[in-house]
């Protein structure tokens, strides 16, 4: 071993490129178990062709990473760049193997937008040990191996030769297994995001380019024709719509939707509450779902650049004269509330509800009674929960809500049994149930002077160990249903039911049908009664249960005439 290391060091003194090749080989051997698992799925493990395919896939990944290393490490940048990439690759391997993550642009954007409090929960001791084991020795060798200085001409010539050789190997490997590889990439495009660290570099570049492009131009205005409809314009009393955006609540564990546990006991006792048991999210992470659910185009015509580059429903409502407030207990509104009034609960810091940069979700209710009592005209208040944000489900509740025992009290879910993880998750749902019931009670208390409505919907679901997956963020095309099916409930006060002319019995019956985040914008426009050409009656969950004509679209006789 010592002899081989000595020979390698002597060779490296003559040729820096061997260091880069060794790094690429190290990644091939240590970082690509998820890649091989995805590439070989469904193949006979005993067939010689299976192992041949595996070798060629690893060879192609090694050649690709070698090309990247050759291009990114000129001159004296070799050591610092390789060090950074070794650490990045080690971190990527941890999240891919521990949680089944795919590091595509969507997931990376979600990770980059994570605040410090969220990041601390993900950076466990096992993560630190994984970085040390995976990157420690290679980084040490990169810095102790003497690298001989070369003239620019010789350095460029040698680097070009090695880069060309790596490209030839990459092309040859692809051609050798072109048919099965093309089939794999065509049917499972997400597999490319398992090639480490090329996946991180590509996704980071994609996110950076999109952000720079978005920053270079203002958001496109939406709903310039928005105006109050006849119901909104003639309301005799103030109306307040409270929208609660849940975090990581999945329909599979929602008591009102038939879960084996009653995780929503307080909501179940509220007369008139309407549950929607078959709701599909727009994405599998907050960065995608939150802007999407407030965009008129939604998932059915999904265009990320268009959604991120445009105003949201809240801007349309505000343009029609609706007062809008965003209250946040998470990591921001992802552009949905830009330029509108906002409140950050960690800044507000209500006594007894916040610690270490985090607040319990009941902080969202502080000062709400006074705001409801002082409401004028039509108001929309959005409460953005911390909810069931993982992996630290046990941190989301006060001690009184630890109903199910034992619970996982570790930020590293792999250290816990799945039943303990589920217990912690379900306890967090019980706390959300309490929060929502408390909110409705506040609205009911103002019923004599205020018309009100309440809508709760989660941004995405969560994996709790099914198929060895945890957390969320799997590419939408292959994400399990537990990451895409979310709970949704609605409640209308008596005054709101009368003024909006909603047949609640009809709505309760229709609520059993499939729905999606795509319905949210159009349902809210209908409930509030804002006229705009953006409104699509077919997507308004209340339209068929509204007595008389639905809300009109600007310039047309009836909103139901819109295609």
Protein backbone atom coordinates (compact mmCIF):
# COMPACT_ATOMS: atom_id res chain seq x y z
CA UNK A 1 0.00 0.00 0.00
CA UNK A 2 2.77 2.43 0.98
CA UNK A 3 4.67 1.48 -2.16
CA UNK A 4 1.66 2.16 -4.37
CA UNK A 5 1.02 5.52 -2.68
CA UNK A 6 4.68 6.44 -3.13
CA UNK A 7 4.55 5.59 -6.84
CA UNK A 8 1.33 7.59 -7.20
CA UNK A 9 2.87 10.65 -5.54
CA UNK A 10 5.93 10.46 -7.79
CA UNK A 11 3.67 10.19 -10.84
CA UNK A 12 1.59 13.12 -9.66
CA UNK A 13 4.68 15.30 -9.44
CA UNK A 14 5.12 14.82 -13.17
CA UNK A 15 1.42 15.07 -14.07
CA UNK A 16 -1.31 17.01 -12.24
CA UNK A 17 -3.98 15.34 -14.34
CA UNK A 18 -3.46 12.03 -12.56
CA UNK A 19 -4.65 13.73 -9.37
CA UNK A 20 -7.86 14.78 -11.13
CA UNK A 21 -8.35 11.30 -12.58
CA UNK A 22 -7.89 9.80 -9.11
CA UNK A 23 -10.55 12.16 -7.72
CA UNK A 24 -12.99 11.17 -10.49
CA UNK A 25 -12.33 7.48 -9.77
CA UNK A 26 -12.89 8.10 -6.06
CA UNK A 27 -16.31 9.58 -6.83
CA UNK A 28 -17.11 6.63 -9.09
CA UNK A 29 -16.41 4.19 -6.27
CA UNK A 30 -18.02 6.08 -3.39
CA UNK A 31 -20.78 8.37 -4.67
CA UNK A 32 -22.72 6.44 -7.26
CA UNK A 33 -24.63 3.74 -5.46
CA UNK A 34 -27.93 5.61 -6.11
CA UNK A 35 -26.99 5.93 -9.79
CA UNK A 36 -26.30 2.22 -10.13
CA UNK A 37 -29.48 1.36 -8.23
CA UNK A 38 -31.57 3.43 -10.64
CA UNK A 39 -29.70 2.27 -13.75
CA UNK A 40 -29.94 -1.43 -12.89
CA UNK A 41 -33.54 -1.42 -11.63
CA UNK A 42 -35.46 -4.29 -13.21
CA UNK A 43 -32.34 -6.01 -14.56
CA UNK A 44 -31.33 -9.56 -13.68
CA UNK A 45 -28.51 -9.18 -11.12
CA UNK A 46 -26.99 -12.53 -12.20
CA UNK A 47 -26.85 -11.73 -15.90
CA UNK A 48 -23.36 -10.84 -17.25
CA UNK A 49 -24.88 -8.03 -19.29
CA UNK A 50 -26.10 -6.37 -16.11
CA UNK A 51 -22.64 -6.08 -14.66
CA UNK A 52 -21.23 -5.01 -18.00
CA UNK A 53 -23.82 -2.24 -18.18
CA UNK A 54 -22.98 -1.18 -14.63
CA UNK A 55 -19.27 -0.94 -15.43
CA UNK A 56 -19.90 1.14 -18.54
CA UNK A 57 -22.28 3.48 -16.68
CA UNK A 58 -19.63 4.06 -14.01
CA UNK A 59 -16.98 4.56 -16.70
CA UNK A 60 -19.15 7.17 -18.42
CA UNK A 61 -19.78 8.97 -15.10
CA UNK A 62 -16.04 8.92 -14.35
CA UNK A 63 -15.20 10.30 -17.78
CA UNK A 64 -17.79 13.07 -17.44
CA UNK A 65 -16.47 14.11 -14.03
CA UNK A 66 -12.92 13.97 -15.36
CA UNK A 67 -13.82 16.39 -18.14
CA UNK A 68 -15.40 18.76 -15.61
CA UNK A 69 -12.34 18.60 -13.37
CA UNK A 70 -10.01 19.29 -16.29
CA UNK A 71 -12.03 22.38 -17.24
CA UNK A 72 -12.53 23.78 -13.74
CA UNK A 73 -9.02 23.50 -12.25
CA UNK A 74 -6.50 25.59 -14.20
CA UNK A 75 -3.16 26.42 -12.59
CA UNK A 76 -3.24 27.24 -8.89
CA UNK A 77 -7.00 26.74 -8.68
CA UNK A 78 -6.57 22.97 -8.68
CA UNK A 79 -6.30 22.44 -4.93
CA UNK A 80 -9.05 24.84 -3.73
CA UNK A 81 -11.50 23.83 -6.47
CA UNK A 82 -10.94 20.09 -5.97
CA UNK A 83 -11.31 20.55 -2.21
CA UNK A 84 -14.62 22.34 -2.67
CA UNK A 85 -15.88 19.70 -5.11
CA UNK A 86 -14.86 16.84 -2.81
CA UNK A 87 -16.88 18.40 0.03
CA UNK A 88 -19.84 19.06 -2.29
CA UNK A 89 -19.76 15.50 -3.59
CA UNK A 90 -19.61 14.10 -0.06
CA UNK A 91 -22.63 16.20 0.98
CA UNK A 92 -24.55 15.21 -2.14
CA UNK A 93 -23.84 11.52 -1.54
CA UNK A 94 -25.17 11.80 2.02
CA UNK A 95 -28.52 13.30 1.02
CA UNK A 96 -28.96 10.99 -1.97
CA UNK A 97 -28.26 7.84 0.05
CA UNK A 98 -29.92 8.84 3.31
CA UNK A 99 -33.11 10.39 1.96
CA UNK A 100 -33.33 9.23 -1.66
CA UNK A 101 -32.89 12.81 -2.92
CA UNK A 102 -32.41 13.72 -6.57
CA UNK A 103 -30.30 16.87 -6.84
CA UNK A 104 -32.13 18.46 -9.77
CA UNK A 105 -32.50 22.26 -10.14
CA UNK A 106 -35.78 22.23 -8.22
CA UNK A 107 -34.28 20.43 -5.24
CA UNK A 108 -31.14 22.56 -5.28
CA UNK A 109 -33.19 25.76 -5.41
CA UNK A 110 -35.16 24.50 -2.42
CA UNK A 111 -31.91 23.76 -0.56
CA UNK A 112 -30.39 27.15 -1.38
CA UNK A 113 -33.51 28.93 -0.10
CA UNK A 114 -33.40 27.03 3.20
CA UNK A 115 -32.86 29.35 6.16
CA UNK A 116 -30.28 28.80 8.87
CA UNK A 117 -32.73 27.19 11.30
CA UNK A 118 -33.80 24.63 8.67
CA UNK A 119 -30.20 23.95 7.68
CA UNK A 120 -29.17 23.22 11.27
CA UNK A 121 -31.76 20.45 11.50
CA UNK A 122 -30.40 18.74 8.40
CA UNK A 123 -26.74 18.99 9.36
CA UNK A 124 -26.58 16.14 11.87
CA UNK A 125 -23.57 14.49 13.43
CA UNK A 126 -23.88 11.67 10.89
CA UNK A 127 -23.71 14.27 8.13
CA UNK A 128 -20.51 15.71 9.60
CA UNK A 129 -18.99 12.23 9.99
CA UNK A 130 -20.01 11.42 6.43
CA UNK A 131 -18.19 14.50 5.14
CA UNK A 132 -15.11 13.62 7.18
CA UNK A 133 -14.98 10.03 5.98
CA UNK A 134 -15.90 10.77 2.39
CA UNK A 135 -13.85 13.91 1.80
CA UNK A 136 -11.23 14.00 4.57
CA UNK A 137 -8.54 11.68 3.19
CA UNK A 138 -8.85 12.80 -0.47
CA UNK A 139 -8.62 16.46 0.56
CA UNK A 140 -5.56 15.71 2.68
CA UNK A 141 -3.85 13.91 -0.20
CA UNK A 142 -4.65 16.71 -2.64
CA UNK A 143 -2.87 19.19 -0.38
CA UNK A 144 0.15 17.06 0.61
CA UNK A 145 0.98 15.74 -2.86
CA UNK A 146 3.63 18.02 -4.40
CA UNK A 147 2.53 19.45 -7.73
CA UNK A 148 5.32 20.52 -10.05
CA UNK A 149 5.00 23.91 -11.72
CA UNK A 150 4.78 23.85 -15.53
CA UNK A 151 4.97 26.41 -18.29
CA UNK A 152 1.63 27.70 -19.58
CA UNK A 153 2.23 26.12 -22.95
CA UNK A 154 2.99 22.69 -21.52
CA UNK A 155 0.11 22.94 -19.02
CA UNK A 156 -2.42 23.82 -21.74
CA UNK A 157 -1.14 21.07 -24.03
CA UNK A 158 -1.23 18.39 -21.33
CA UNK A 159 -4.65 19.47 -20.07
CA UNK A 160 -6.06 19.48 -23.62
CA UNK A 161 -4.70 16.00 -24.25
CA UNK A 162 -6.26 14.59 -21.09
CA UNK A 163 -9.55 16.36 -21.67
CA UNK A 164 -9.72 15.02 -25.20
CA UNK A 165 -8.97 11.52 -23.94
CA UNK A 166 -11.73 11.75 -21.32
CA UNK A 167 -14.19 12.93 -23.99
CA UNK A 168 -13.24 9.97 -26.20
CA UNK A 169 -13.80 7.57 -23.29
CA UNK A 170 -17.15 9.21 -22.50
CA UNK A 171 -18.38 8.99 -26.09
CA UNK A 172 -17.12 5.40 -26.46
CA UNK A 173 -18.86 4.34 -23.25
CA UNK A 174 -22.15 5.90 -24.35
CA UNK A 175 -21.96 4.29 -27.78
CA UNK A 176 -21.13 0.89 -26.24
CA UNK A 177 -24.46 0.79 -24.38
CA UNK A 178 -26.35 3.34 -26.43
CA UNK A 179 -29.64 1.47 -26.80
CA UNK A 180 -30.25 0.59 -23.12
CA UNK A 181 -28.77 3.90 -21.97
CA UNK A 182 -30.95 5.92 -24.35
CA UNK A 183 -34.00 3.99 -23.18
CA UNK A 184 -33.08 4.65 -19.54
CA UNK A 185 -32.58 8.38 -20.10
CA UNK A 186 -35.71 8.70 -22.19
CA UNK A 187 -37.96 6.97 -19.66
CA UNK A 188 -36.18 8.13 -16.51
CA UNK A 189 -34.61 11.50 -17.21
CA UNK A 190 -34.18 12.09 -13.51
CA UNK A 191 -31.35 9.51 -13.40
CA UNK A 192 -28.91 12.09 -14.76
CA UNK A 193 -29.26 13.96 -11.45
CA UNK A 194 -27.58 11.06 -9.67
CA UNK A 195 -24.18 11.63 -11.34
CA UNK A 196 -22.18 13.30 -8.58
CA UNK A 197 -20.94 16.07 -8.43
CA UNK A 198 -21.92 16.86 -12.03
CA UNK A 199 -25.54 16.97 -10.82
CA UNK A 200 -24.80 19.73 -8.31
CA UNK A 201 -22.76 21.77 -10.77
CA UNK A 202 -25.42 21.55 -13.48
CA UNK A 203 -28.31 22.31 -11.14
CA UNK A 204 -26.45 25.20 -9.48
CA UNK A 205 -25.71 26.69 -12.88
CA UNK A 206 -29.34 26.27 -13.91
CA UNK A 207 -30.62 27.98 -10.75
CA UNK A 208 -28.08 30.82 -11.02
CA UNK A 209 -28.90 31.45 -14.67
CA UNK A 210 -32.64 31.48 -13.96
CA UNK A 211 -32.20 33.84 -11.00
CA UNK A 212 -30.03 36.24 -12.99
CA UNK A 213 -32.51 36.20 -15.83
CA UNK A 214 -35.38 36.85 -13.45
CA UNK A 215 -33.52 39.64 -11.66
CA UNK A 216 -32.84 41.39 -14.95
CA UNK A 217 -36.49 42.17 -15.60
CA UNK A 218 -39.52 43.09 -13.47
CA UNK A 219 -42.26 40.60 -12.75
CA UNK A 220 -44.99 40.50 -15.38
CA UNK A 221 -48.20 42.12 -14.19
CA UNK A 222 -51.28 39.92 -14.02
CA UNK A 223 -54.97 40.73 -13.84
CA UNK A 224 -54.75 44.35 -14.93
CA UNK A 225 -58.50 44.11 -15.48
CA UNK A 226 -59.18 42.94 -11.91
CA UNK A 227 -62.08 44.73 -10.24
CA UNK A 228 -64.64 44.04 -7.51
CA UNK A 229 -67.64 41.99 -8.60
CA UNK A 230 -71.17 43.00 -7.56
CA UNK A 231 -71.12 40.89 -4.39
CA UNK A 232 -67.77 42.29 -3.22
CA UNK A 233 -68.76 45.83 -4.14
CA UNK A 234 -72.07 45.75 -2.23
CA UNK A 235 -71.14 43.81 0.92
CA UNK A 236 -72.74 45.42 3.93
CA UNK A 237 -70.13 44.04 6.33
CA UNK A 238 -66.36 43.51 6.21
CA UNK A 239 -65.22 40.17 4.81
CA UNK A 240 -62.00 38.39 5.78
CA UNK A 241 -60.63 35.32 4.01
CA UNK A 242 -57.85 33.53 5.90
CA UNK A 243 -55.67 31.18 3.83
CA UNK A 244 -53.45 28.82 5.79
CA UNK A 245 -50.61 27.31 3.77
CA UNK A 246 -49.58 24.09 5.44
CA UNK A 247 -46.07 22.69 5.27
CA UNK A 248 -45.33 19.05 4.45
CA UNK A 249 -48.74 17.74 5.54
CA UNK A 250 -49.67 14.64 3.57
CA UNK A 251 -53.19 13.44 2.92
CA UNK A 252 -52.30 9.85 3.86
CA UNK A 253 -52.07 10.85 7.55
CA UNK A 254 -54.96 13.33 7.63
CA UNK A 255 -57.65 12.14 10.03
CA UNK A 256 -60.55 13.76 8.15
CA UNK A 257 -59.58 11.82 5.04
CA UNK A 258 -59.79 8.37 6.62
CA UNK A 259 -56.39 7.85 8.24
CA UNK A 260 -56.42 5.06 10.81
CA UNK A 261 -55.60 7.62 13.50
CA UNK A 262 -57.80 10.62 14.16
CA UNK A 263 -55.10 13.27 13.72
CA UNK A 264 -57.74 15.98 13.26
CA UNK A 265 -60.08 15.53 16.26
CA UNK A 266 -60.80 19.23 16.82
CA UNK A 267 -61.60 19.94 13.18
CA UNK A 268 -63.85 16.88 13.09
CA UNK A 269 -66.11 18.53 15.69
CA UNK A 270 -66.64 21.77 13.77
CA UNK A 271 -70.05 21.97 12.04
CA UNK A 272 -69.95 22.97 8.40
CA UNK A 273 -66.27 22.16 7.85
CA UNK A 274 -65.68 20.82 4.34
CA UNK A 275 -62.82 18.37 3.73
CA UNK A 276 -61.30 17.72 0.30
CA UNK A 277 -59.72 14.23 0.49
CA UNK A 278 -58.28 13.96 -3.04
CA UNK A 279 -56.09 17.01 -3.62
CA UNK A 280 -52.88 16.86 -5.66
CA UNK A 281 -50.03 19.31 -5.17
CA UNK A 282 -48.24 21.26 -7.87
CA UNK A 283 -44.79 20.17 -6.72
CA UNK A 284 -42.93 18.13 -4.14
CA UNK A 285 -41.11 21.02 -2.46
CA UNK A 286 -42.02 24.50 -1.27
CA UNK A 287 -39.95 26.33 -3.89
CA UNK A 288 -42.13 24.83 -6.63
CA UNK A 289 -45.50 24.42 -4.94
CA UNK A 290 -45.88 27.78 -3.23
CA UNK A 291 -45.47 30.00 -6.33
CA UNK A 292 -47.41 27.47 -8.42
CA UNK A 293 -50.48 27.31 -6.21
CA UNK A 294 -50.81 31.12 -6.34
CA UNK A 295 -50.34 31.22 -10.14
CA UNK A 296 -53.34 31.10 -12.53
CA UNK A 297 -51.54 28.66 -14.85
CA UNK A 298 -50.72 26.11 -12.14
CA UNK A 299 -49.48 22.61 -12.83
CA UNK A 300 -51.65 21.84 -15.82
CA UNK A 301 -49.70 24.33 -17.96
CA UNK A 302 -46.56 24.39 -15.85
CA UNK A 303 -43.88 26.86 -16.82
CA UNK A 304 -41.48 27.62 -13.98
CA UNK A 305 -39.95 30.69 -15.61
CA UNK A 306 -43.38 32.11 -16.38
CA UNK A 307 -44.61 31.53 -12.84
CA UNK A 308 -41.51 32.98 -11.17
CA UNK A 309 -41.47 35.90 -13.57
CA UNK A 310 -45.08 36.93 -12.94
CA UNK A 311 -47.12 38.40 -10.14
CA UNK A 312 -49.27 36.11 -8.03
CA UNK A 313 -52.94 35.89 -7.14
CA UNK A 314 -52.27 38.15 -4.16
CA UNK A 315 -51.18 40.99 -6.43
CA UNK A 316 -54.33 40.51 -8.53
CA UNK A 317 -56.53 40.68 -5.42
CA UNK A 318 -54.71 43.74 -4.17
CA UNK A 319 -55.22 45.40 -7.56
CA UNK A 320 -58.98 44.84 -7.16
CA UNK A 321 -58.99 46.64 -3.81
CA UNK A 322 -58.54 43.65 -1.48
CA UNK A 323 -56.30 44.26 1.53
CA UNK A 324 -53.58 41.57 1.62
CA UNK A 325 -51.29 40.52 4.48
CA UNK A 326 -48.76 37.66 4.49
CA UNK A 327 -47.76 36.32 7.93
CA UNK A 328 -44.79 33.98 7.73
CA UNK A 329 -43.53 31.32 10.12
CA UNK A 330 -41.21 29.65 7.67
CA UNK A 331 -38.65 30.71 5.10
CA UNK A 332 -40.51 33.38 3.16
CA UNK A 333 -43.19 33.56 0.49
CA UNK A 334 -40.93 32.60 -2.48
CA UNK A 335 -41.92 35.75 -4.36
CA UNK A 336 -45.67 35.29 -3.92
CA UNK A 337 -46.00 38.32 -1.63
CA UNK A 338 -43.26 40.58 -3.01
CA UNK A 339 -44.16 44.21 -2.52
CA UNK A 340 -47.14 43.43 -0.28
CA UNK A 341 -47.44 43.83 3.52
CA UNK A 342 -45.71 40.97 5.40
CA UNK A 343 -45.00 39.95 8.97
CA UNK A 344 -42.25 37.57 10.07
CA UNK A 345 -43.13 35.67 13.24
CA UNK A 346 -39.50 35.27 14.28
CA UNK A 347 -39.17 39.06 14.18
CA UNK A 348 -42.47 39.56 16.00
CA UNK A 349 -41.20 36.99 18.56
CA UNK A 350 -44.34 36.50 20.69
CA UNK A 351 -43.47 35.46 24.27
CA UNK A 352 -43.41 31.73 25.00
CA UNK A 353 -43.76 30.69 21.36
CA UNK A 354 -40.30 31.30 19.86
CA UNK A 355 -36.80 30.01 20.58
CA UNK A 356 -33.56 29.51 18.66
CA UNK A 357 -34.83 31.26 15.56
CA UNK A 358 -38.00 29.17 15.35
CA UNK A 359 -41.60 29.81 16.42
CA UNK A 360 -44.43 27.42 17.08
CA UNK A 361 -47.26 27.93 14.59
CA UNK A 362 -49.56 29.44 17.21
CA UNK A 363 -47.43 32.56 16.78
CA UNK A 364 -49.37 33.10 13.55
CA UNK A 365 -52.51 33.76 15.60
CA UNK A 366 -51.00 36.47 17.82
CA UNK A 367 -52.75 39.80 17.34
CA UNK A 368 -55.26 38.23 14.96
CA UNK A 369 -58.32 39.00 17.12
CA UNK A 370 -57.52 42.72 17.04
CA UNK A 371 -56.94 42.63 13.29
CA UNK A 372 -60.29 40.88 12.72
CA UNK A 373 -62.11 43.37 14.95
CA UNK A 374 -60.63 46.28 13.01
CA UNK A 375 -61.20 44.78 9.53
CA UNK A 376 -62.70 47.03 6.88
CA UNK A 377 -63.77 46.18 3.35
CA UNK A 378 -62.42 42.87 1.97
CA UNK A 379 -59.26 41.40 3.49
CA UNK A 380 -57.11 38.35 2.74
CA UNK A 381 -54.69 37.12 5.39
CA UNK A 382 -52.25 34.34 4.49
CA UNK A 383 -50.70 32.31 7.32
CA UNK A 384 -47.63 30.37 6.18
CA UNK A 385 -47.00 27.52 8.60
CA UNK A 386 -43.87 25.73 9.71
CA UNK A 387 -46.24 22.78 10.02
CA UNK A 388 -44.66 19.35 9.61
CA UNK A 389 -41.35 20.56 8.23
CA UNK A 390 -38.88 17.70 8.55
CA UNK A 391 -36.77 16.07 9.63
CA UNK A 392 -37.36 17.48 13.11
CA UNK A 393 -41.08 16.80 13.42
CA UNK A 394 -40.74 16.58 17.20
CA UNK A 395 -39.65 20.23 17.36
CA UNK A 396 -42.88 21.49 15.76
CA UNK A 397 -45.11 21.01 18.81
CA UNK A 398 -45.39 22.09 22.45
CA UNK A 399 -45.01 19.21 24.94
CA UNK A 400 -48.78 18.89 25.46
CA UNK A 401 -49.22 17.61 21.90
CA UNK A 402 -46.92 14.60 22.16
CA UNK A 403 -49.91 12.24 21.97
CA UNK A 404 -48.29 9.32 20.18
CA UNK A 405 -45.30 7.64 21.78
CA UNK A 406 -42.48 6.81 21.40
CA UNK A 407 -41.32 9.57 19.09
CA UNK A 408 -38.18 10.10 17.05
CA UNK A 409 -36.25 12.88 18.77
CA UNK A 410 -33.35 12.98 16.35
CA UNK A 411 -32.68 15.26 13.40
CA UNK A 412 -31.23 12.20 11.66
CA UNK A 413 -34.24 10.06 10.75
CA UNK A 414 -32.03 7.05 10.00
CA UNK A 415 -31.34 6.78 13.72
CA UNK A 416 -35.04 6.11 14.45
CA UNK A 417 -37.50 3.32 13.80
CA UNK A 418 -40.19 4.21 11.26
CA UNK A 419 -43.07 3.93 13.79
CA UNK A 420 -41.34 6.51 16.00
CA UNK A 421 -40.93 8.82 12.99
CA UNK A 422 -44.62 8.45 12.14
CA UNK A 423 -45.57 9.17 15.76
CA UNK A 424 -43.60 12.43 15.71
CA UNK A 425 -45.11 13.36 12.35
CA UNK A 426 -48.67 12.62 13.49
CA UNK A 427 -48.16 14.67 16.64
CA UNK A 428 -47.27 17.64 14.44
CA UNK A 429 -50.50 17.09 12.49
CA UNK A 430 -52.44 17.11 15.76
CA UNK A 431 -50.90 20.50 16.51
CA UNK A 432 -51.93 21.80 13.08
CA UNK A 433 -55.45 20.51 13.79
CA UNK A 434 -55.46 22.56 17.01
CA UNK A 435 -54.14 25.65 15.24
CA UNK A 436 -56.81 25.50 12.53
CA UNK A 437 -59.63 24.86 15.02
CA UNK A 438 -58.43 27.80 17.12
CA UNK A 439 -58.40 30.01 14.03
CA UNK A 440 -61.98 29.05 13.11
CA UNK A 441 -63.04 29.77 16.70
CA UNK A 442 -61.63 33.29 16.35
CA UNK A 443 -63.52 33.79 13.11
CA UNK A 444 -66.73 32.48 14.67
CA UNK A 445 -66.32 34.92 17.56
CA UNK A 446 -66.58 37.81 15.08
CA UNK A 447 -69.62 36.38 13.25
CA UNK A 448 -71.95 39.18 14.40
CA UNK A 449 -69.93 41.87 12.65
CA UNK A 450 -67.78 40.04 10.12
CA UNK A 451 -68.27 37.67 7.19
CA UNK A 452 -65.38 35.22 7.02
CA UNK A 453 -64.00 32.22 5.20
CA UNK A 454 -61.09 29.91 5.84
CA UNK A 455 -59.10 27.67 3.49
CA UNK A 456 -56.27 25.36 4.52
CA UNK A 457 -54.09 23.56 1.99
CA UNK A 458 -50.64 22.02 2.30
CA UNK A 459 -47.83 22.75 -0.14
CA UNK A 460 -46.70 19.15 -0.61
CA UNK A 461 -46.57 15.80 1.17
CA UNK A 462 -43.81 13.73 2.74
CA UNK A 463 -42.21 10.28 2.63
CA UNK A 464 -41.91 8.57 6.01
CA UNK A 465 -39.82 5.55 5.06
CA UNK A 466 -41.97 4.06 2.29
CA UNK A 467 -39.66 2.52 -0.34
CA UNK A 468 -36.78 3.65 1.91
CA UNK A 469 -37.52 7.30 1.10
CA UNK A 470 -37.68 10.13 3.62
CA UNK A 471 -38.64 13.81 3.46
CA UNK A 472 -39.71 15.13 0.03
CA UNK A 473 -38.46 16.72 -3.19
CA UNK A 474 -38.37 13.67 -5.46
CA UNK A 475 -38.79 14.80 -9.12
CA UNK A 476 -42.51 15.15 -9.75
CA UNK A 477 -42.69 12.56 -12.54
CA UNK A 478 -41.49 9.76 -10.26
CA UNK A 479 -42.52 11.10 -6.85
CA UNK A 480 -44.69 8.75 -4.76
CA UNK A 481 -48.27 9.79 -4.09
CA UNK A 482 -47.51 10.51 -0.43
CA UNK A 483 -45.38 13.45 -1.59
CA UNK A 484 -48.08 14.75 -3.98
CA UNK A 485 -51.38 14.16 -2.16
CA UNK A 486 -52.16 16.89 0.37
CA UNK A 487 -55.02 17.80 2.75
CA UNK A 488 -57.36 20.69 2.12
CA UNK A 489 -60.29 22.00 4.17
CA UNK A 490 -62.68 24.94 3.86
CA UNK A 491 -65.01 26.67 6.28
CA UNK A 492 -67.49 29.51 5.62
CA UNK A 493 -69.27 31.59 8.21
CA UNK A 494 -73.04 31.91 7.98
CA UNK A 495 -72.73 35.47 6.75
CA UNK A 496 -70.20 34.46 4.10
CA UNK A 497 -72.38 31.58 2.93
CA UNK A 498 -75.29 33.96 2.52
CA UNK A 499 -73.40 36.79 0.83
CA UNK A 500 -71.55 34.46 -1.57
CA UNK A 501 -74.74 32.41 -2.07
CA UNK A 502 -72.91 29.08 -1.53
CA UNK A 503 -74.87 25.85 -1.13
CA UNK A 504 -72.65 24.12 1.43
CA UNK A 505 -74.43 20.76 1.07
CA UNK A 506 -73.61 20.82 -2.63
CA UNK A 507 -70.01 21.83 -1.92
CA UNK A 508 -69.58 19.04 0.62
CA UNK A 509 -70.76 16.52 -1.95
CA UNK A 510 -68.48 17.83 -4.71
CA UNK A 511 -65.52 17.98 -2.32
CA UNK A 512 -65.16 14.21 -2.61
CA UNK A 513 -64.07 14.59 -6.23
CA UNK A 514 -60.38 14.96 -7.24
CA UNK A 515 -58.96 18.47 -6.94
CA UNK A 516 -55.54 20.09 -7.17
CA UNK A 517 -53.50 23.16 -6.36
CA UNK A 518 -54.64 24.41 -9.77
CA UNK A 519 -58.10 25.00 -8.29
CA UNK A 520 -56.92 27.36 -5.56
CA UNK A 521 -56.56 30.62 -7.52
CA UNK A 522 -59.89 30.31 -9.28
CA UNK A 523 -61.75 29.16 -6.16
CA UNK A 524 -60.48 32.16 -4.21
CA UNK A 525 -61.36 34.57 -7.02
CA UNK A 526 -64.87 33.11 -6.98
CA UNK A 527 -65.25 33.26 -3.21
CA UNK A 528 -64.08 36.85 -2.93
CA UNK A 529 -65.90 37.85 -6.12
CA UNK A 530 -63.12 39.52 -8.08
CA UNK A 531 -63.75 39.97 -11.80
CA UNK A 532 -60.82 39.22 -14.10
CA UNK A 533 -60.20 37.37 -17.35
CA UNK A 534 -57.78 35.17 -15.41
CA UNK A 535 -60.71 33.46 -13.71
CA UNK A 536 -61.65 30.01 -15.05
CA UNK A 537 -65.03 28.85 -13.73
CA UNK A 538 -64.28 25.20 -14.48
CA UNK A 539 -61.49 25.34 -11.88
CA UNK A 540 -63.55 27.11 -9.20
CA UNK A 541 -64.51 24.43 -6.67
CA UNK A 542 -67.47 26.54 -5.52
CA UNK A 543 -68.83 27.59 -8.93
CA UNK A 544 -71.28 24.72 -9.37
CA UNK A 545 -72.57 25.24 -5.83
CA UNK A 546 -73.17 28.97 -6.09
CA UNK A 547 -76.84 29.88 -6.28
CA UNK A 548 -77.44 31.89 -9.43
CA UNK A 549 -74.72 33.02 -11.86
CA UNK A 550 -71.04 32.67 -10.98
CA UNK A 551 -68.73 35.69 -10.79
CA UNK A 552 -68.55 37.55 -14.06
CA UNK A 553 -65.46 37.96 -16.16
CA UNK A 554 -64.62 41.46 -17.28
CA UNK A 555 -66.47 42.25 -20.48
CA UNK A 556 -68.53 39.03 -20.54
CA UNK A 557 -72.00 38.08 -19.46
CA UNK A 558 -70.94 35.13 -17.33
CA UNK A 559 -67.70 33.71 -15.98
CA UNK A 560 -68.83 30.28 -17.15
CA UNK A 561 -68.45 31.38 -20.76
CA UNK A 562 -64.67 31.51 -20.46
CA UNK A 563 -62.74 28.69 -22.15
